[in-house]
Amino acid sequence: MIVDSIENGPYVRRMIATLGEQDYPVPVLESFHEQTDAELTEIDIKRMDADDQAIQTILLGLPEDVYAAVDSCETAKEIWERVRQMMKGSDIGEQEKKAKLFNEWEKFTSTDGELIKSYYHRFMQLMNDLKKNKHFPENIASNLKFLNNLQPEWKRHVTIVHQTKNLHEADFTQIYDFLKMNQYEVNELRAERLAKSHDPLALMAHSQSSFNFPTTYKDQSSFRTHS
């Protein structure tokens, strides 16, 4: 009966007909009155009690904020419908939140001149948010995301990581621990790049140097890939 009360509403007292009297000088027409307590059957009473039990059952399982939202409801059915509406809205909110997080994941990248420490903390926050929403990127996916979105000055060190780390087993924190030791060198490379981009003579000299010596990172073959 409790389930029936939640789904179909509480018991509604019937209207009882009172027969009219045709033998009076002025005939009395048939009338109706709401079922009195004395006219309730045992089954009627049980159905009425079932709604009270259903209300208590639902309220006991609600958090405080939801409890306050259904306080004005008078029947178990009203309460349940209000809760379902709120849950539906909550589901939509969760879907929107996940969509926003996935969008942040897709667009995540470093900014020009950003320190590796700042980049790492932003990435770690994004990963934590994804995990809170039960989305767990595989190590290889998160590691490649972390490496492939660094600024160009990190290229040599990214190559070293690819050649010396098993990206399926390592995590991005271990990669960060290696990269942060090279922040000074990266700062120098960025300073050189900026100087060359603002100094035409330096830019020309750099271009000639690149033409005469097109092969770079000849020492990369010394690094071994660990499986």
Protein backbone atom coordinates (compact mmCIF):
# COMPACT_ATOMS: atom_id res chain seq x y z
CA MET A 1 0.00 0.00 0.00
CA ILE A 2 2.89 2.37 0.64
CA VAL A 3 4.11 2.06 -2.94
CA ASP A 4 0.57 2.52 -4.23
CA SER A 5 0.23 5.67 -2.16
CA ILE A 6 3.47 7.09 -3.57
CA GLU A 7 2.54 6.30 -7.16
CA ASN A 8 -1.20 7.04 -7.13
CA GLY A 9 -1.71 9.39 -4.21
CA PRO A 10 -3.44 9.00 -0.84
CA TYR A 11 -6.85 7.56 -0.21
CA VAL A 12 -9.57 10.10 -1.07
CA ARG A 13 -12.77 9.91 0.95
CA ARG A 14 -15.74 8.99 -1.18
CA MET A 15 -18.89 11.04 -1.55
CA ILE A 16 -21.80 9.14 0.02
CA ALA A 17 -25.28 9.59 -1.41
CA THR A 18 -28.25 10.26 0.86
CA LEU A 19 -31.52 9.25 -0.74
CA GLY A 20 -34.19 11.85 -1.11
CA GLU A 21 -37.70 11.67 0.36
CA GLN A 22 -40.46 11.84 -2.18
CA ASP A 23 -43.31 11.39 0.34
CA TYR A 24 -42.78 14.77 2.04
CA PRO A 25 -45.06 17.66 1.05
CA VAL A 26 -41.95 19.20 -0.42
CA PRO A 27 -39.84 16.40 -1.94
CA VAL A 28 -36.24 16.21 -0.64
CA LEU A 29 -33.77 15.58 -3.42
CA GLU A 30 -30.91 13.16 -3.19
CA SER A 31 -27.78 14.71 -1.59
CA PHE A 32 -24.16 13.78 -1.06
CA HIS A 33 -21.73 14.09 1.83
CA GLU A 34 -18.09 13.26 2.29
CA GLN A 35 -17.41 9.90 3.85
CA THR A 36 -17.23 10.28 7.64
CA ASP A 37 -14.81 8.48 9.97
CA ALA A 38 -17.62 6.15 11.01
CA GLU A 39 -18.19 5.21 7.39
CA LEU A 40 -14.56 4.32 6.70
CA THR A 41 -13.85 0.64 6.16
CA GLU A 42 -10.82 -1.12 7.58
CA ILE A 43 -9.20 -1.09 4.13
CA ASP A 44 -9.90 2.65 3.76
CA ILE A 45 -8.17 3.35 7.07
CA LYS A 46 -5.14 1.26 6.10
CA ARG A 47 -4.83 3.16 2.82
CA MET A 48 -4.94 6.48 4.69
CA ASP A 49 -2.31 5.28 7.15
CA ALA A 50 -0.17 4.08 4.25
CA ASP A 51 0.25 7.64 2.97
CA ASP A 52 1.51 8.83 6.37
CA GLN A 53 3.98 5.95 6.43
CA ALA A 54 5.07 6.71 2.87
CA ILE A 55 5.70 10.37 3.76
CA GLN A 56 7.86 9.41 6.74
CA THR A 57 9.76 6.82 4.70
CA ILE A 58 10.64 9.34 1.99
CA LEU A 59 11.52 12.18 4.38
CA LEU A 60 13.88 10.01 6.42
CA GLY A 61 16.08 9.46 3.36
CA LEU A 62 16.31 13.09 2.21
CA PRO A 63 19.24 15.47 2.78
CA GLU A 64 18.43 18.75 4.55
CA ASP A 65 18.38 20.93 1.43
CA VAL A 66 15.92 18.62 -0.34
CA TYR A 67 13.84 18.22 2.85
CA ALA A 68 13.34 21.98 2.96
CA ALA A 69 12.22 22.01 -0.68
CA VAL A 70 9.43 19.47 -0.08
CA ASP A 71 8.25 20.80 3.28
CA SER A 72 5.11 22.33 1.73
CA CYS A 73 4.01 19.08 0.07
CA GLU A 74 1.06 17.36 1.73
CA THR A 75 1.10 13.86 0.25
CA ALA A 76 3.71 11.20 -0.45
CA LYS A 77 3.00 11.48 -4.18
CA GLU A 78 3.62 15.25 -4.17
CA ILE A 79 6.87 14.79 -2.25
CA TRP A 80 8.07 12.03 -4.55
CA GLU A 81 7.28 14.01 -7.71
CA ARG A 82 9.14 17.05 -6.33
CA VAL A 83 12.15 14.90 -5.46
CA ARG A 84 12.14 13.33 -8.94
CA GLN A 85 12.11 16.78 -10.54
CA MET A 86 15.04 17.87 -8.40
CA MET A 87 16.95 14.69 -9.20
CA LYS A 88 16.32 15.21 -12.90
CA GLY A 89 17.69 18.73 -12.61
CA SER A 90 20.67 17.38 -10.69
CA ASP A 91 21.38 14.83 -13.44
CA ILE A 92 21.32 17.59 -16.06
CA GLY A 93 23.68 19.65 -13.90
CA GLU A 94 26.07 16.70 -13.62
CA GLN A 95 26.01 16.17 -17.38
CA GLU A 96 26.77 19.85 -17.96
CA LYS A 97 29.60 19.71 -15.45
CA LYS A 98 31.12 16.66 -17.14
CA ALA A 99 30.79 18.29 -20.55
CA LYS A 100 32.58 21.37 -19.23
CA LEU A 101 35.39 19.24 -17.80
CA PHE A 102 35.84 17.31 -21.05
CA ASN A 103 35.96 20.62 -22.90
CA GLU A 104 38.65 21.86 -20.50
CA TRP A 105 40.56 18.64 -21.12
CA GLU A 106 40.40 19.10 -24.89
CA LYS A 107 41.52 22.74 -24.74
CA PHE A 108 44.13 22.37 -22.00
CA THR A 109 47.52 23.78 -22.96
CA SER A 110 50.40 25.81 -21.55
CA THR A 111 50.77 29.56 -21.92
CA ASP A 112 53.80 31.40 -23.25
CA GLY A 113 56.32 31.87 -20.45
CA GLU A 114 54.39 29.76 -17.96
CA LEU A 115 56.56 28.03 -15.39
CA ILE A 116 56.41 24.24 -15.31
CA LYS A 117 55.24 24.41 -11.68
CA SER A 118 52.18 26.46 -12.62
CA TYR A 119 51.45 24.22 -15.61
CA TYR A 120 51.72 21.11 -13.45
CA HIS A 121 49.36 22.44 -10.76
CA ARG A 122 46.73 23.43 -13.34
CA PHE A 123 46.95 20.00 -14.93
CA MET A 124 46.76 18.26 -11.55
CA GLN A 125 43.63 20.24 -10.66
CA LEU A 126 42.00 19.24 -13.93
CA MET A 127 42.87 15.58 -13.35
CA ASN A 128 41.46 15.72 -9.81
CA ASP A 129 38.22 17.25 -11.10
CA LEU A 130 37.92 14.52 -13.72
CA LYS A 131 38.47 11.80 -11.12
CA LYS A 132 35.85 13.32 -8.81
CA ASN A 133 33.43 12.90 -11.68
CA LYS A 134 34.46 9.26 -12.14
CA HIS A 135 36.44 9.83 -15.31
CA PHE A 136 39.90 8.31 -15.16
CA PRO A 137 42.12 8.94 -18.22
CA GLU A 138 44.67 6.19 -18.74
CA ASN A 139 48.28 6.96 -17.86
CA ILE A 140 49.33 7.10 -21.49
CA ALA A 141 46.55 9.58 -22.31
CA SER A 142 47.27 11.92 -19.40
CA ASN A 143 51.04 11.73 -19.92
CA LEU A 144 50.78 12.56 -23.62
CA LYS A 145 48.38 15.39 -22.83
CA PHE A 146 50.85 16.77 -20.30
CA LEU A 147 53.86 16.51 -22.62
CA ASN A 148 52.33 17.53 -25.92
CA ASN A 149 50.97 20.83 -24.65
CA LEU A 150 54.20 22.27 -23.29
CA GLN A 151 55.80 25.29 -24.96
CA PRO A 152 58.34 24.74 -27.81
CA GLU A 153 61.31 25.37 -25.50
CA TRP A 154 60.56 22.08 -23.78
CA LYS A 155 60.90 20.08 -26.99
CA ARG A 156 64.29 18.53 -26.21
CA HIS A 157 63.23 17.49 -22.73
CA VAL A 158 59.94 16.11 -24.00
CA THR A 159 61.92 13.98 -26.44
CA ILE A 160 64.10 12.72 -23.58
CA VAL A 161 61.00 11.75 -21.60
CA HIS A 162 59.62 9.83 -24.58
CA GLN A 163 62.91 7.96 -24.89
CA THR A 164 63.53 7.25 -21.22
CA LYS A 165 60.09 6.80 -19.64
CA ASN A 166 57.45 4.13 -20.07
CA LEU A 167 54.45 6.40 -20.56
CA HIS A 168 52.05 3.53 -19.94
CA GLU A 169 53.32 3.07 -16.38
CA ALA A 170 54.77 6.44 -15.32
CA ASP A 171 52.44 9.19 -14.16
CA PHE A 172 52.57 12.90 -14.97
CA THR A 173 53.93 13.73 -11.49
CA GLN A 174 57.05 11.66 -12.20
CA ILE A 175 57.40 13.44 -15.53
CA TYR A 176 57.04 16.79 -13.79
CA ASP A 177 59.76 15.87 -11.28
CA PHE A 178 62.15 15.39 -14.20
CA LEU A 179 61.09 18.46 -16.17
CA LYS A 180 61.19 20.93 -13.28
CA MET A 181 64.95 20.41 -12.97
CA ASN A 182 65.32 21.95 -16.43
CA GLN A 183 63.29 25.10 -15.87
CA TYR A 184 66.37 27.36 -15.91
CA GLU A 185 67.53 26.03 -19.28
CA VAL A 186 64.05 26.49 -20.72
CA ASN A 187 63.98 30.07 -19.43
CA GLU A 188 67.27 30.74 -21.24
CA LEU A 189 65.94 29.25 -24.48
CA ARG A 190 62.84 31.39 -24.28
CA ALA A 191 64.90 34.51 -23.64
CA GLU A 192 67.04 33.72 -26.69
CA ARG A 193 63.95 33.17 -28.81
CA LEU A 194 62.45 36.48 -27.76
CA ALA A 195 65.74 38.30 -28.35
CA LYS A 196 66.08 36.86 -31.84
CA SER A 197 62.49 37.70 -32.73
CA HIS A 198 63.13 41.36 -31.82
CA ASP A 199 66.68 41.64 -33.23
CA PRO A 200 66.80 41.34 -37.06
CA LEU A 201 70.58 40.74 -37.11
CA ALA A 202 70.32 38.04 -34.48
CA LEU A 203 67.44 36.49 -36.34
CA MET A 204 69.49 36.47 -39.57
CA ALA A 205 72.48 34.91 -37.80
CA HIS A 206 70.21 32.28 -36.28
CA SER A 207 68.71 31.52 -39.70
CA GLN A 208 72.18 31.11 -41.25
CA SER A 209 73.22 28.87 -38.38
CA SER A 210 70.15 26.72 -38.90
CA PHE A 211 70.93 26.50 -42.63
CA ASN A 212 74.56 25.44 -42.09
CA PHE A 213 73.72 22.96 -39.37
CA PRO A 214 70.29 21.52 -40.14
CA THR A 215 70.69 18.42 -37.96
CA THR A 216 69.81 18.92 -34.29
CA TYR A 217 69.82 16.79 -31.17
CA LYS A 218 72.43 14.39 -32.48
CA ASP A 219 72.82 13.03 -28.97
CA GLN A 220 69.28 11.71 -28.82
CA SER A 221 70.39 8.28 -30.00
CA SER A 222 72.18 7.82 -26.70
CA PHE A 223 68.89 7.60 -24.86
CA ARG A 224 67.26 4.22 -24.53
CA THR A 225 63.60 3.49 -24.35
CA HIS A 226 62.62 1.55 -21.29
CA SER A 227 59.73 -0.85 -21.79
